[in-house]
Amino acid sequence: MKNKILNSLTLAKSILIVFLLISSCKKFSDKKSSSEKKATTILNEKKEKNESLSKVLEQCKIQKNKTELALKANKTNSSQIWLCIANNENAINDCTKIALEDFSSINLLCGKNDFTLRYYDDLGNNFQSTYHKFKWDETSNSFFLFKVYNATSNRHGISINGSKLNIPFNQYALKKHKIKTQKIYSFSGFQEEKEPLIDHYLNLINLNYNKTDNSLIDLFGDEIVLKFLLNNIELTNQNVQKYNDIAYYLGKSKANKEAIFLLEKIVELFPKRTVAHINIGDAYWDVGEKQKAKESYKKYLSQMKSSGKEDKIPTQILKRINL
C-alpha cells in the first residue's frame, strides 16, 4: 500500500514538472514572439518612413569617413523635412526630423570631417541665418553639434553671434535648443549712411590669438564668420592690410585652414602683395600641403628679388623650397 502511494506521488510530481516546463516554454515563446513583433514593427515603421521620404532636396558626402547625408521631404507633405545619415562602416542608417521653426529654408553643406545645416530667411531687406555645425567623434562613432552661429543683415546693420557646445546628434532638435551666444561682430549705421569696418573684428582676433587656449579663436575665426565679413565688408586696397593681419593671427593660433581661406581671397585680388604669399606659404606648410607651400614661397621669393630685398628673405624659406 505504501509503495502504491509513493508511486502515485512520484507520478503526480512528474506530471507537475512537465506542466511547469510546458508553461515556462510557452511564456518564453510568447515573450520572444512579443519581442519579434516589436522589432518587426520598428523595422516596418522605418521602412514606411524611408519610403515616404522620396523627394531628395540636397545631398552631400563627408570626405574623411565617407558618410552620406541627404535632406529629404515627405512626398505627401513637403513642409516635413528629414536629415538622413548613412555610413556602412559604422552601421549608421537613419533619418531625423528637422524642425524649421521660424525659418523658411534649409541648406546642407559637407566638409572634410563635418557638416553644416543652414536655416535661413530672406525677406526683402531683412536677412537672417542660423548655422548648426556638426563634427564626427571617433570615440563614440557619432556626430555632435559643436558650433552655432546666428547672422543677421537688415536696413539698420549687420551682426553675427556664435557659441561652442557639445550636443550628440541623437539628441538634436532645433526647437529644443535655446542657445546663448556671444557677440562676434555688430554694426548699426546704414541709416546714417555709414559703412561697416573690419577694425573691431581685427581687435577681437588680436586680443585672443596665440594663447594656450585657442577655443575663442576657433569660435571667432570660423570660415562661416570670415565669409559673413567678406560678404558685408568688401576686401579693398584700403583694408587689405587689416584682413592680412587677421589671417596672420589665425595662422599663429593654429587656425591654418581659416587663414588659408582668407589669404587665398587676398592673393587672388592682390597678387603682388608679397607678405600674403609668405603667410599663405607658412599656413600651407603647417597643414602638410608642402607643394602648395613651395609654390607660394617661390612667388614671395620672386617678388622680394624684384623689389631688391633678396637679403631679407628668411633662410628657412630657402631651405623649405629646396627640400
C-alpha atoms as a PDB file:
ATOM      1  CA  MET A   1       0.000   0.000   0.000  1.00  0.00           C
ATOM      2  CA  LYS A   2       2.825   2.309   0.958  1.00  0.00           C
ATOM      3  CA  ASN A   3       4.550   1.635  -2.364  1.00  0.00           C
ATOM      4  CA  LYS A   4       1.395   2.493  -4.309  1.00  0.00           C
ATOM      5  CA  ILE A   5       1.142   5.840  -2.504  1.00  0.00           C
ATOM      6  CA  LEU A   6       4.810   6.618  -3.261  1.00  0.00           C
ATOM      7  CA  ASN A   7       4.360   5.690  -6.911  1.00  0.00           C
ATOM      8  CA  SER A   8       1.293   7.925  -7.139  1.00  0.00           C
ATOM      9  CA  LEU A   9       3.201  10.834  -5.603  1.00  0.00           C
ATOM     10  CA  THR A  10       6.137  10.326  -7.950  1.00  0.00           C
ATOM     11  CA  LEU A  11       3.789  10.274 -10.947  1.00  0.00           C
ATOM     12  CA  ALA A  12       1.992  13.412  -9.748  1.00  0.00           C
ATOM     13  CA  LYS A  13       5.348  15.124  -9.219  1.00  0.00           C
ATOM     14  CA  SER A  14       6.471  14.190 -12.737  1.00  0.00           C
ATOM     15  CA  ILE A  15       3.238  15.470 -14.242  1.00  0.00           C
ATOM     16  CA  LEU A  16       3.649  18.752 -12.327  1.00  0.00           C
ATOM     17  CA  ILE A  17       7.235  19.190 -13.575  1.00  0.00           C
ATOM     18  CA  VAL A  18       6.156  18.545 -17.165  1.00  0.00           C
ATOM     19  CA  PHE A  19       3.311  21.058 -16.771  1.00  0.00           C
ATOM     20  CA  LEU A  20       5.664  23.684 -15.380  1.00  0.00           C
ATOM     21  CA  LEU A  21       8.142  23.111 -18.204  1.00  0.00           C
ATOM     22  CA  ILE A  22       5.401  23.481 -20.821  1.00  0.00           C
ATOM     23  CA  SER A  23       4.130  26.664 -19.158  1.00  0.00           C
ATOM     24  CA  SER A  24       7.650  28.130 -18.991  1.00  0.00           C
ATOM     25  CA  CYS A  25       8.299  27.353 -22.648  1.00  0.00           C
ATOM     26  CA  LYS A  26       5.011  28.947 -23.619  1.00  0.00           C
ATOM     27  CA  LYS A  27       5.825  32.121 -21.651  1.00  0.00           C
ATOM     28  CA  PHE A  28       9.288  32.308 -23.246  1.00  0.00           C
ATOM     29  CA  SER A  29       7.737  31.722 -26.656  1.00  0.00           C
ATOM     30  CA  ASP A  30       5.144  34.424 -26.021  1.00  0.00           C
ATOM     31  CA  LYS A  31       7.876  36.827 -24.810  1.00  0.00           C
ATOM     32  CA  LYS A  32      10.054  36.055 -27.817  1.00  0.00           C
ATOM     33  CA  SER A  33       7.077  36.461 -30.097  1.00  0.00           C
ATOM     34  CA  SER A  34       6.300  39.826 -28.489  1.00  0.00           C
ATOM     35  CA  SER A  35       9.922  40.990 -28.934  1.00  0.00           C
ATOM     36  CA  GLU A  36       9.941  39.829 -32.531  1.00  0.00           C
ATOM     37  CA  LYS A  37       6.662  41.644 -33.189  1.00  0.00           C
ATOM     38  CA  LYS A  38       8.088  44.833 -31.609  1.00  0.00           C
ATOM     39  CA  ALA A  39      11.282  44.595 -33.706  1.00  0.00           C
ATOM     40  CA  THR A  40       9.226  43.950 -36.835  1.00  0.00           C
ATOM     41  CA  THR A  41       7.013  46.939 -36.052  1.00  0.00           C
ATOM     42  CA  ILE A  42      10.075  49.208 -35.668  1.00  0.00           C
ATOM     43  CA  LEU A  43      11.542  47.950 -38.937  1.00  0.00           C
ATOM     44  CA  ASN A  44       8.237  48.457 -40.725  1.00  0.00           C
ATOM     45  CA  GLU A  45       7.954  51.984 -39.332  1.00  0.00           C
ATOM     46  CA  LYS A  46      11.480  52.783 -40.561  1.00  0.00           C
ATOM     47  CA  LYS A  47      10.678  51.245 -43.926  1.00  0.00           C
ATOM     48  CA  GLU A  48       7.444  53.243 -44.241  1.00  0.00           C
ATOM     49  CA  LYS A  49       9.285  56.426 -43.215  1.00  0.00           C
ATOM     50  CA  ASN A  50      12.077  55.879 -45.735  1.00  0.00           C
ATOM     51  CA  GLU A  51       9.578  55.062 -48.466  1.00  0.00           C
ATOM     52  CA  SER A  52       7.612  58.235 -47.718  1.00  0.00           C
ATOM     53  CA  LEU A  53      10.766  60.388 -47.980  1.00  0.00           C
ATOM     54  CA  SER A  54      11.044  60.134 -51.726  1.00  0.00           C
ATOM     55  CA  LYS A  55      11.978  63.734 -52.559  1.00  0.00           C
ATOM     56  CA  VAL A  56      15.701  64.462 -52.086  1.00  0.00           C
ATOM     57  CA  LEU A  57      16.233  68.189 -51.565  1.00  0.00           C
ATOM     58  CA  GLU A  58      20.016  68.213 -51.109  1.00  0.00           C
ATOM     59  CA  GLN A  59      22.741  65.649 -50.549  1.00  0.00           C
ATOM     60  CA  CYS A  60      26.492  65.562 -49.938  1.00  0.00           C
ATOM     61  CA  LYS A  61      29.268  63.328 -48.635  1.00  0.00           C
ATOM     62  CA  ILE A  62      31.803  63.879 -45.853  1.00  0.00           C
ATOM     63  CA  GLN A  63      35.205  63.157 -47.371  1.00  0.00           C
ATOM     64  CA  LYS A  64      37.050  61.746 -44.361  1.00  0.00           C
ATOM     65  CA  ASN A  65      34.697  58.987 -43.188  1.00  0.00           C
ATOM     66  CA  LYS A  66      32.537  58.615 -46.335  1.00  0.00           C
ATOM     67  CA  THR A  67      29.305  59.446 -44.533  1.00  0.00           C
ATOM     68  CA  GLU A  68      26.458  60.243 -46.930  1.00  0.00           C
ATOM     69  CA  LEU A  69      23.889  62.844 -45.926  1.00  0.00           C
ATOM     70  CA  ALA A  70      20.641  63.914 -47.546  1.00  0.00           C
ATOM     71  CA  LEU A  71      17.840  66.339 -46.818  1.00  0.00           C
ATOM     72  CA  LYS A  72      14.568  64.695 -47.779  1.00  0.00           C
ATOM     73  CA  ALA A  73      10.976  65.856 -47.875  1.00  0.00           C
ATOM     74  CA  ASN A  74       7.846  63.830 -47.229  1.00  0.00           C
ATOM     75  CA  LYS A  75       6.194  63.064 -50.570  1.00  0.00           C
ATOM     76  CA  THR A  76       2.758  63.888 -49.142  1.00  0.00           C
ATOM     77  CA  ASN A  77       3.821  66.920 -47.107  1.00  0.00           C
ATOM     78  CA  SER A  78       6.802  68.902 -48.456  1.00  0.00           C
ATOM     79  CA  SER A  79       6.995  71.001 -45.266  1.00  0.00           C
ATOM     80  CA  GLN A  80       8.130  67.933 -43.325  1.00  0.00           C
ATOM     81  CA  ILE A  81      11.911  67.688 -43.751  1.00  0.00           C
ATOM     82  CA  TRP A  82      14.248  64.948 -42.573  1.00  0.00           C
ATOM     83  CA  LEU A  83      18.024  64.649 -42.380  1.00  0.00           C
ATOM     84  CA  CYS A  84      19.154  61.154 -43.366  1.00  0.00           C
ATOM     85  CA  ILE A  85      22.633  59.859 -42.489  1.00  0.00           C
ATOM     86  CA  ALA A  86      24.186  56.688 -43.906  1.00  0.00           C
ATOM     87  CA  ASN A  87      27.584  55.172 -43.136  1.00  0.00           C
ATOM     88  CA  ASN A  88      28.059  51.462 -43.839  1.00  0.00           C
ATOM     89  CA  GLU A  89      31.390  51.225 -41.995  1.00  0.00           C
ATOM     90  CA  ASN A  90      29.838  52.480 -38.743  1.00  0.00           C
ATOM     91  CA  ALA A  91      26.425  50.821 -39.212  1.00  0.00           C
ATOM     92  CA  ILE A  92      24.566  54.139 -39.354  1.00  0.00           C
ATOM     93  CA  ASN A  93      21.405  54.417 -41.426  1.00  0.00           C
ATOM     94  CA  ASP A  94      18.692  56.609 -40.005  1.00  0.00           C
ATOM     95  CA  CYS A  95      16.600  59.738 -40.589  1.00  0.00           C
ATOM     96  CA  THR A  96      15.863  62.506 -38.093  1.00  0.00           C
ATOM     97  CA  LYS A  97      13.063  65.028 -38.454  1.00  0.00           C
ATOM     98  CA  ILE A  98      14.220  68.645 -38.753  1.00  0.00           C
ATOM     99  CA  ALA A  99      12.128  71.445 -37.241  1.00  0.00           C
ATOM    100  CA  LEU A 100      12.356  74.619 -39.333  1.00  0.00           C
ATOM    101  CA  GLU A 101      10.603  76.687 -36.661  1.00  0.00           C
ATOM    102  CA  ASP A 102      10.746  80.364 -37.772  1.00  0.00           C
ATOM    103  CA  PHE A 103      12.833  79.682 -40.888  1.00  0.00           C
ATOM    104  CA  SER A 104      11.525  79.074 -44.389  1.00  0.00           C
ATOM    105  CA  SER A 105      14.520  77.291 -45.948  1.00  0.00           C
ATOM    106  CA  ILE A 106      17.410  74.985 -45.123  1.00  0.00           C
ATOM    107  CA  ASN A 107      20.735  74.056 -46.753  1.00  0.00           C
ATOM    108  CA  LEU A 108      23.077  71.109 -46.210  1.00  0.00           C
ATOM    109  CA  LEU A 109      26.841  71.664 -46.546  1.00  0.00           C
ATOM    110  CA  CYS A 110      29.514  68.955 -46.139  1.00  0.00           C
ATOM    111  CA  GLY A 111      33.175  69.439 -45.217  1.00  0.00           C
ATOM    112  CA  LYS A 112      36.104  67.058 -44.842  1.00  0.00           C
ATOM    113  CA  ASN A 113      35.103  65.937 -41.354  1.00  0.00           C
ATOM    114  CA  ASP A 114      31.934  67.884 -40.584  1.00  0.00           C
ATOM    115  CA  PHE A 115      28.649  69.131 -41.977  1.00  0.00           C
ATOM    116  CA  THR A 116      26.523  72.236 -41.511  1.00  0.00           C
ATOM    117  CA  LEU A 117      22.779  72.801 -41.500  1.00  0.00           C
ATOM    118  CA  ARG A 118      21.965  76.373 -42.534  1.00  0.00           C
ATOM    119  CA  TYR A 119      18.493  77.640 -41.674  1.00  0.00           C
ATOM    120  CA  TYR A 120      17.608  80.957 -43.299  1.00  0.00           C
ATOM    121  CA  ASP A 121      15.004  83.535 -44.263  1.00  0.00           C
ATOM    122  CA  ASP A 122      15.362  86.267 -46.866  1.00  0.00           C
ATOM    123  CA  LEU A 123      12.522  88.787 -46.661  1.00  0.00           C
ATOM    124  CA  GLY A 124      13.328  91.901 -48.659  1.00  0.00           C
ATOM    125  CA  ASN A 125      15.947  93.856 -46.713  1.00  0.00           C
ATOM    126  CA  ASN A 126      15.757  91.532 -43.724  1.00  0.00           C
ATOM    127  CA  PHE A 127      18.045  88.525 -43.938  1.00  0.00           C
ATOM    128  CA  GLN A 128      18.785  86.037 -41.159  1.00  0.00           C
ATOM    129  CA  SER A 129      20.651  82.739 -40.986  1.00  0.00           C
ATOM    130  CA  THR A 130      21.417  80.180 -38.309  1.00  0.00           C
ATOM    131  CA  TYR A 131      24.278  77.743 -38.858  1.00  0.00           C
ATOM    132  CA  HIS A 132      24.498  74.452 -36.955  1.00  0.00           C
ATOM    133  CA  LYS A 133      27.893  72.755 -37.389  1.00  0.00           C
ATOM    134  CA  PHE A 134      28.333  69.048 -36.630  1.00  0.00           C
ATOM    135  CA  LYS A 135      31.610  67.154 -36.370  1.00  0.00           C
ATOM    136  CA  TRP A 136      32.406  63.454 -36.248  1.00  0.00           C
ATOM    137  CA  ASP A 137      33.615  61.992 -32.943  1.00  0.00           C
ATOM    138  CA  GLU A 138      35.890  58.971 -33.426  1.00  0.00           C
ATOM    139  CA  THR A 139      35.417  57.703 -29.864  1.00  0.00           C
ATOM    140  CA  SER A 140      31.625  57.441 -29.925  1.00  0.00           C
ATOM    141  CA  ASN A 141      31.285  56.939 -33.701  1.00  0.00           C
ATOM    142  CA  SER A 142      28.666  59.658 -33.884  1.00  0.00           C
ATOM    143  CA  PHE A 143      28.116  63.304 -34.808  1.00  0.00           C
ATOM    144  CA  PHE A 144      27.976  66.162 -32.316  1.00  0.00           C
ATOM    145  CA  LEU A 145      26.621  69.687 -32.693  1.00  0.00           C
ATOM    146  CA  PHE A 146      29.692  71.737 -31.747  1.00  0.00           C
ATOM    147  CA  LYS A 147      29.106  75.272 -33.082  1.00  0.00           C
ATOM    148  CA  VAL A 148      26.120  77.552 -33.658  1.00  0.00           C
ATOM    149  CA  TYR A 149      26.126  80.921 -35.432  1.00  0.00           C
ATOM    150  CA  ASN A 150      23.323  83.450 -35.853  1.00  0.00           C
ATOM    151  CA  ALA A 151      23.794  86.061 -38.587  1.00  0.00           C
ATOM    152  CA  THR A 152      21.501  88.959 -39.461  1.00  0.00           C
ATOM    153  CA  SER A 153      21.506  91.731 -42.025  1.00  0.00           C
ATOM    154  CA  ASN A 154      18.841  94.429 -42.392  1.00  0.00           C
ATOM    155  CA  ARG A 155      18.382  98.114 -43.197  1.00  0.00           C
ATOM    156  CA  HIS A 156      19.865  99.073 -39.833  1.00  0.00           C
ATOM    157  CA  GLY A 157      23.045  96.997 -39.821  1.00  0.00           C
ATOM    158  CA  ILE A 158      24.663  93.577 -39.604  1.00  0.00           C
ATOM    159  CA  SER A 159      25.622  91.216 -36.790  1.00  0.00           C
ATOM    160  CA  ILE A 160      26.917  87.716 -36.158  1.00  0.00           C
ATOM    161  CA  ASN A 161      26.949  85.845 -32.844  1.00  0.00           C
ATOM    162  CA  GLY A 162      28.268  82.387 -32.011  1.00  0.00           C
ATOM    163  CA  SER A 163      28.562  79.675 -29.408  1.00  0.00           C
ATOM    164  CA  LYS A 164      30.517  76.446 -28.832  1.00  0.00           C
ATOM    165  CA  LEU A 165      28.740  73.402 -27.414  1.00  0.00           C
ATOM    166  CA  ASN A 166      28.693  69.616 -27.452  1.00  0.00           C
ATOM    167  CA  ILE A 167      25.290  68.030 -28.182  1.00  0.00           C
ATOM    168  CA  PRO A 168      25.000  64.474 -29.586  1.00  0.00           C
ATOM    169  CA  PHE A 169      23.123  64.309 -32.878  1.00  0.00           C
ATOM    170  CA  ASN A 170      20.633  61.788 -31.494  1.00  0.00           C
ATOM    171  CA  GLN A 171      19.535  64.496 -29.028  1.00  0.00           C
ATOM    172  CA  TYR A 172      19.356  67.192 -31.679  1.00  0.00           C
ATOM    173  CA  ALA A 173      16.217  69.196 -32.351  1.00  0.00           C
ATOM    174  CA  LEU A 174      16.292  72.848 -33.361  1.00  0.00           C
ATOM    175  CA  LYS A 175      13.261  73.866 -31.334  1.00  0.00           C
ATOM    176  CA  LYS A 176      14.715  72.428 -28.113  1.00  0.00           C
ATOM    177  CA  HIS A 177      17.948  74.399 -28.224  1.00  0.00           C
ATOM    178  CA  LYS A 178      17.680  77.867 -26.718  1.00  0.00           C
ATOM    179  CA  ILE A 179      21.383  78.503 -27.078  1.00  0.00           C
ATOM    180  CA  LYS A 180      23.051  81.541 -25.549  1.00  0.00           C
ATOM    181  CA  THR A 181      25.508  83.106 -27.995  1.00  0.00           C
ATOM    182  CA  GLN A 182      28.147  85.812 -27.701  1.00  0.00           C
ATOM    183  CA  LYS A 183      28.718  88.760 -29.998  1.00  0.00           C
ATOM    184  CA  ILE A 184      31.432  88.387 -32.614  1.00  0.00           C
ATOM    185  CA  TYR A 185      30.690  91.377 -34.821  1.00  0.00           C
ATOM    186  CA  SER A 186      27.966  94.018 -34.797  1.00  0.00           C
ATOM    187  CA  PHE A 187      27.334  97.190 -36.774  1.00  0.00           C
ATOM    188  CA  SER A 188      24.353  99.548 -36.934  1.00  0.00           C
ATOM    189  CA  GLY A 189      24.681 102.628 -39.060  1.00  0.00           C
ATOM    190  CA  PHE A 190      23.253 102.035 -42.505  1.00  0.00           C
ATOM    191  CA  GLN A 191      20.511 104.618 -41.951  1.00  0.00           C
ATOM    192  CA  GLU A 192      23.191 107.190 -41.108  1.00  0.00           C
ATOM    193  CA  GLU A 193      24.913 106.203 -44.377  1.00  0.00           C
ATOM    194  CA  LYS A 194      27.886 104.742 -42.529  1.00  0.00           C
ATOM    195  CA  GLU A 195      29.839 101.712 -43.709  1.00  0.00           C
ATOM    196  CA  PRO A 196      30.907  98.736 -41.537  1.00  0.00           C
ATOM    197  CA  LEU A 197      34.639  98.488 -40.867  1.00  0.00           C
ATOM    198  CA  ILE A 198      36.828  95.466 -40.186  1.00  0.00           C
ATOM    199  CA  ASP A 199      38.697  97.184 -37.313  1.00  0.00           C
ATOM    200  CA  HIS A 200      36.576  95.820 -34.464  1.00  0.00           C
ATOM    201  CA  TYR A 201      36.971  92.234 -35.661  1.00  0.00           C
ATOM    202  CA  LEU A 202      40.746  92.689 -36.108  1.00  0.00           C
ATOM    203  CA  ASN A 203      40.994  93.871 -32.492  1.00  0.00           C
ATOM    204  CA  LEU A 204      38.948  90.885 -31.323  1.00  0.00           C
ATOM    205  CA  ILE A 205      41.263  88.416 -33.086  1.00  0.00           C
ATOM    206  CA  ASN A 206      44.364  90.303 -31.944  1.00  0.00           C
ATOM    207  CA  LEU A 207      43.273  90.070 -28.299  1.00  0.00           C
ATOM    208  CA  ASN A 208      42.703  86.309 -28.458  1.00  0.00           C
ATOM    209  CA  TYR A 209      45.393  84.946 -30.788  1.00  0.00           C
ATOM    210  CA  ASN A 210      48.405  82.805 -29.890  1.00  0.00           C
ATOM    211  CA  LYS A 211      47.062  81.792 -26.476  1.00  0.00           C
ATOM    212  CA  THR A 212      47.323  78.405 -24.762  1.00  0.00           C
ATOM    213  CA  ASP A 213      43.551  78.050 -25.083  1.00  0.00           C
ATOM    214  CA  ASN A 214      42.516  78.734 -28.686  1.00  0.00           C
ATOM    215  CA  SER A 215      38.844  77.957 -28.138  1.00  0.00           C
ATOM    216  CA  LEU A 216      37.786  81.576 -28.707  1.00  0.00           C
ATOM    217  CA  ILE A 217      39.838  81.858 -31.897  1.00  0.00           C
ATOM    218  CA  ASP A 218      38.198  78.605 -33.007  1.00  0.00           C
ATOM    219  CA  LEU A 219      34.809  80.247 -32.466  1.00  0.00           C
ATOM    220  CA  PHE A 220      35.602  83.751 -33.747  1.00  0.00           C
ATOM    221  CA  GLY A 221      37.726  82.681 -36.711  1.00  0.00           C
ATOM    222  CA  ASP A 222      35.458  80.055 -38.238  1.00  0.00           C
ATOM    223  CA  GLU A 223      35.043  80.141 -42.010  1.00  0.00           C
ATOM    224  CA  ILE A 224      31.356  80.977 -41.530  1.00  0.00           C
ATOM    225  CA  VAL A 225      32.363  84.202 -39.756  1.00  0.00           C
ATOM    226  CA  LEU A 226      35.001  85.067 -42.375  1.00  0.00           C
ATOM    227  CA  LYS A 227      32.538  84.582 -45.234  1.00  0.00           C
ATOM    228  CA  PHE A 228      29.979  86.738 -43.450  1.00  0.00           C
ATOM    229  CA  LEU A 229      32.518  89.550 -43.018  1.00  0.00           C
ATOM    230  CA  LEU A 230      33.781  89.359 -46.607  1.00  0.00           C
ATOM    231  CA  ASN A 231      30.200  89.476 -47.895  1.00  0.00           C
ATOM    232  CA  ASN A 232      29.450  92.589 -45.843  1.00  0.00           C
ATOM    233  CA  ILE A 233      32.829  94.358 -45.659  1.00  0.00           C
ATOM    234  CA  GLU A 234      34.396  94.298 -49.087  1.00  0.00           C
ATOM    235  CA  LEU A 235      38.090  93.437 -49.315  1.00  0.00           C
ATOM    236  CA  THR A 236      39.710  96.582 -50.743  1.00  0.00           C
ATOM    237  CA  ASN A 237      43.071  98.237 -51.091  1.00  0.00           C
ATOM    238  CA  GLN A 238      42.205 100.324 -48.024  1.00  0.00           C
ATOM    239  CA  ASN A 239      41.594  97.389 -45.671  1.00  0.00           C
ATOM    240  CA  VAL A 240      43.689  94.576 -47.180  1.00  0.00           C
ATOM    241  CA  GLN A 241      46.422  95.138 -44.576  1.00  0.00           C
ATOM    242  CA  LYS A 242      43.890  94.548 -41.788  1.00  0.00           C
ATOM    243  CA  TYR A 243      42.478  91.435 -43.439  1.00  0.00           C
ATOM    244  CA  ASN A 244      46.052  90.187 -43.903  1.00  0.00           C
ATOM    245  CA  ASP A 245      46.777  90.786 -40.202  1.00  0.00           C
ATOM    246  CA  ILE A 246      43.667  88.778 -39.287  1.00  0.00           C
ATOM    247  CA  ALA A 247      44.903  85.872 -41.423  1.00  0.00           C
ATOM    248  CA  TYR A 248      48.351  86.132 -39.830  1.00  0.00           C
ATOM    249  CA  TYR A 249      46.887  85.961 -36.305  1.00  0.00           C
ATOM    250  CA  LEU A 250      44.722  82.994 -37.283  1.00  0.00           C
ATOM    251  CA  GLY A 251      47.770  81.137 -38.587  1.00  0.00           C
ATOM    252  CA  LYS A 252      49.713  81.860 -35.397  1.00  0.00           C
ATOM    253  CA  SER A 253      46.791  80.391 -33.450  1.00  0.00           C
ATOM    254  CA  LYS A 254      46.914  77.127 -35.472  1.00  0.00           C
ATOM    255  CA  ALA A 255      43.724  78.051 -37.319  1.00  0.00           C
ATOM    256  CA  ASN A 256      45.550  77.366 -40.581  1.00  0.00           C
ATOM    257  CA  LYS A 257      42.533  76.230 -42.579  1.00  0.00           C
ATOM    258  CA  GLU A 258      40.780  79.518 -41.850  1.00  0.00           C
ATOM    259  CA  ALA A 259      43.969  81.521 -42.502  1.00  0.00           C
ATOM    260  CA  ILE A 260      44.335  79.814 -45.891  1.00  0.00           C
ATOM    261  CA  PHE A 261      40.710  80.583 -46.780  1.00  0.00           C
ATOM    262  CA  LEU A 262      41.244  84.299 -46.130  1.00  0.00           C
ATOM    263  CA  LEU A 263      44.733  84.509 -47.680  1.00  0.00           C
ATOM    264  CA  GLU A 264      43.528  82.835 -50.883  1.00  0.00           C
ATOM    265  CA  LYS A 265      40.996  85.669 -51.240  1.00  0.00           C
ATOM    266  CA  ILE A 266      43.738  88.222 -50.643  1.00  0.00           C
ATOM    267  CA  VAL A 267      46.285  86.853 -53.157  1.00  0.00           C
ATOM    268  CA  GLU A 268      43.522  86.418 -55.735  1.00  0.00           C
ATOM    269  CA  LEU A 269      42.619  90.119 -55.572  1.00  0.00           C
ATOM    270  CA  PHE A 270      46.102  91.397 -54.721  1.00  0.00           C
ATOM    271  CA  PRO A 271      48.630  89.044 -56.375  1.00  0.00           C
ATOM    272  CA  LYS A 272      51.501  91.499 -55.834  1.00  0.00           C
ATOM    273  CA  ARG A 273      51.005  91.586 -52.059  1.00  0.00           C
ATOM    274  CA  THR A 274      54.338  89.964 -51.154  1.00  0.00           C
ATOM    275  CA  VAL A 275      53.692  89.335 -47.451  1.00  0.00           C
ATOM    276  CA  ALA A 276      50.483  87.446 -48.243  1.00  0.00           C
ATOM    277  CA  HIS A 277      52.454  84.867 -50.252  1.00  0.00           C
ATOM    278  CA  ILE A 278      54.798  84.054 -47.366  1.00  0.00           C
ATOM    279  CA  ASN A 279      51.864  83.967 -44.931  1.00  0.00           C
ATOM    280  CA  ILE A 280      49.866  81.531 -47.055  1.00  0.00           C
ATOM    281  CA  GLY A 281      53.014  79.500 -47.687  1.00  0.00           C
ATOM    282  CA  ASP A 282      53.512  79.085 -43.939  1.00  0.00           C
ATOM    283  CA  ALA A 283      49.854  78.079 -43.469  1.00  0.00           C
ATOM    284  CA  TYR A 284      50.056  75.507 -46.285  1.00  0.00           C
ATOM    285  CA  TRP A 285      53.267  74.130 -44.782  1.00  0.00           C
ATOM    286  CA  ASP A 286      51.718  73.734 -41.336  1.00  0.00           C
ATOM    287  CA  VAL A 287      48.794  71.688 -42.711  1.00  0.00           C
ATOM    288  CA  GLY A 288      51.117  69.432 -44.706  1.00  0.00           C
ATOM    289  CA  GLU A 289      50.419  70.826 -48.181  1.00  0.00           C
ATOM    290  CA  LYS A 290      54.125  71.178 -48.953  1.00  0.00           C
ATOM    291  CA  GLN A 291      53.840  71.572 -52.733  1.00  0.00           C
ATOM    292  CA  LYS A 292      51.367  74.442 -52.438  1.00  0.00           C
ATOM    293  CA  ALA A 293      53.615  75.993 -49.788  1.00  0.00           C
ATOM    294  CA  LYS A 294      56.638  75.854 -52.119  1.00  0.00           C
ATOM    295  CA  GLU A 295      54.674  77.477 -54.945  1.00  0.00           C
ATOM    296  CA  SER A 296      53.665  80.345 -52.637  1.00  0.00           C
ATOM    297  CA  TYR A 297      57.223  80.694 -51.313  1.00  0.00           C
ATOM    298  CA  LYS A 298      58.553  80.937 -54.882  1.00  0.00           C
ATOM    299  CA  LYS A 299      56.149  83.800 -55.642  1.00  0.00           C
ATOM    300  CA  TYR A 300      57.305  85.506 -52.452  1.00  0.00           C
ATOM    301  CA  LEU A 301      60.942  84.932 -53.420  1.00  0.00           C
ATOM    302  CA  SER A 302      60.426  86.346 -56.900  1.00  0.00           C
ATOM    303  CA  GLN A 303      58.705  89.484 -55.632  1.00  0.00           C
ATOM    304  CA  MET A 304      61.353  90.060 -52.963  1.00  0.00           C
ATOM    305  CA  LYS A 305      64.103  89.821 -55.590  1.00  0.00           C
ATOM    306  CA  SER A 306      62.238  92.178 -57.926  1.00  0.00           C
ATOM    307  CA  SER A 307      61.984  94.804 -55.181  1.00  0.00           C
ATOM    308  CA  GLY A 308      65.673  94.481 -54.262  1.00  0.00           C
ATOM    309  CA  LYS A 309      65.020  92.856 -50.869  1.00  0.00           C
ATOM    310  CA  GLU A 310      66.660  89.499 -51.517  1.00  0.00           C
ATOM    311  CA  ASP A 311      68.879  89.888 -48.443  1.00  0.00           C
ATOM    312  CA  LYS A 312      65.763  89.999 -46.214  1.00  0.00           C
ATOM    313  CA  ILE A 313      64.412  86.605 -47.309  1.00  0.00           C
ATOM    314  CA  PRO A 314      64.327  84.254 -44.269  1.00  0.00           C
ATOM    315  CA  THR A 315      66.780  81.325 -44.648  1.00  0.00           C
ATOM    316  CA  GLN A 316      64.019  78.944 -43.531  1.00  0.00           C
ATOM    317  CA  ILE A 317      62.039  79.764 -46.685  1.00  0.00           C
ATOM    318  CA  LEU A 318      65.013  78.940 -48.880  1.00  0.00           C
ATOM    319  CA  LYS A 319      65.503  75.636 -47.061  1.00  0.00           C
ATOM    320  CA  ARG A 320      61.844  74.680 -47.443  1.00  0.00           C
ATOM    321  CA  ILE A 321      61.862  75.450 -51.179  1.00  0.00           C
ATOM    322  CA  ASN A 322      64.870  73.148 -51.688  1.00  0.00           C
ATOM    323  CA  LEU A 323      63.517  70.243 -49.621  1.00  0.00           C
END
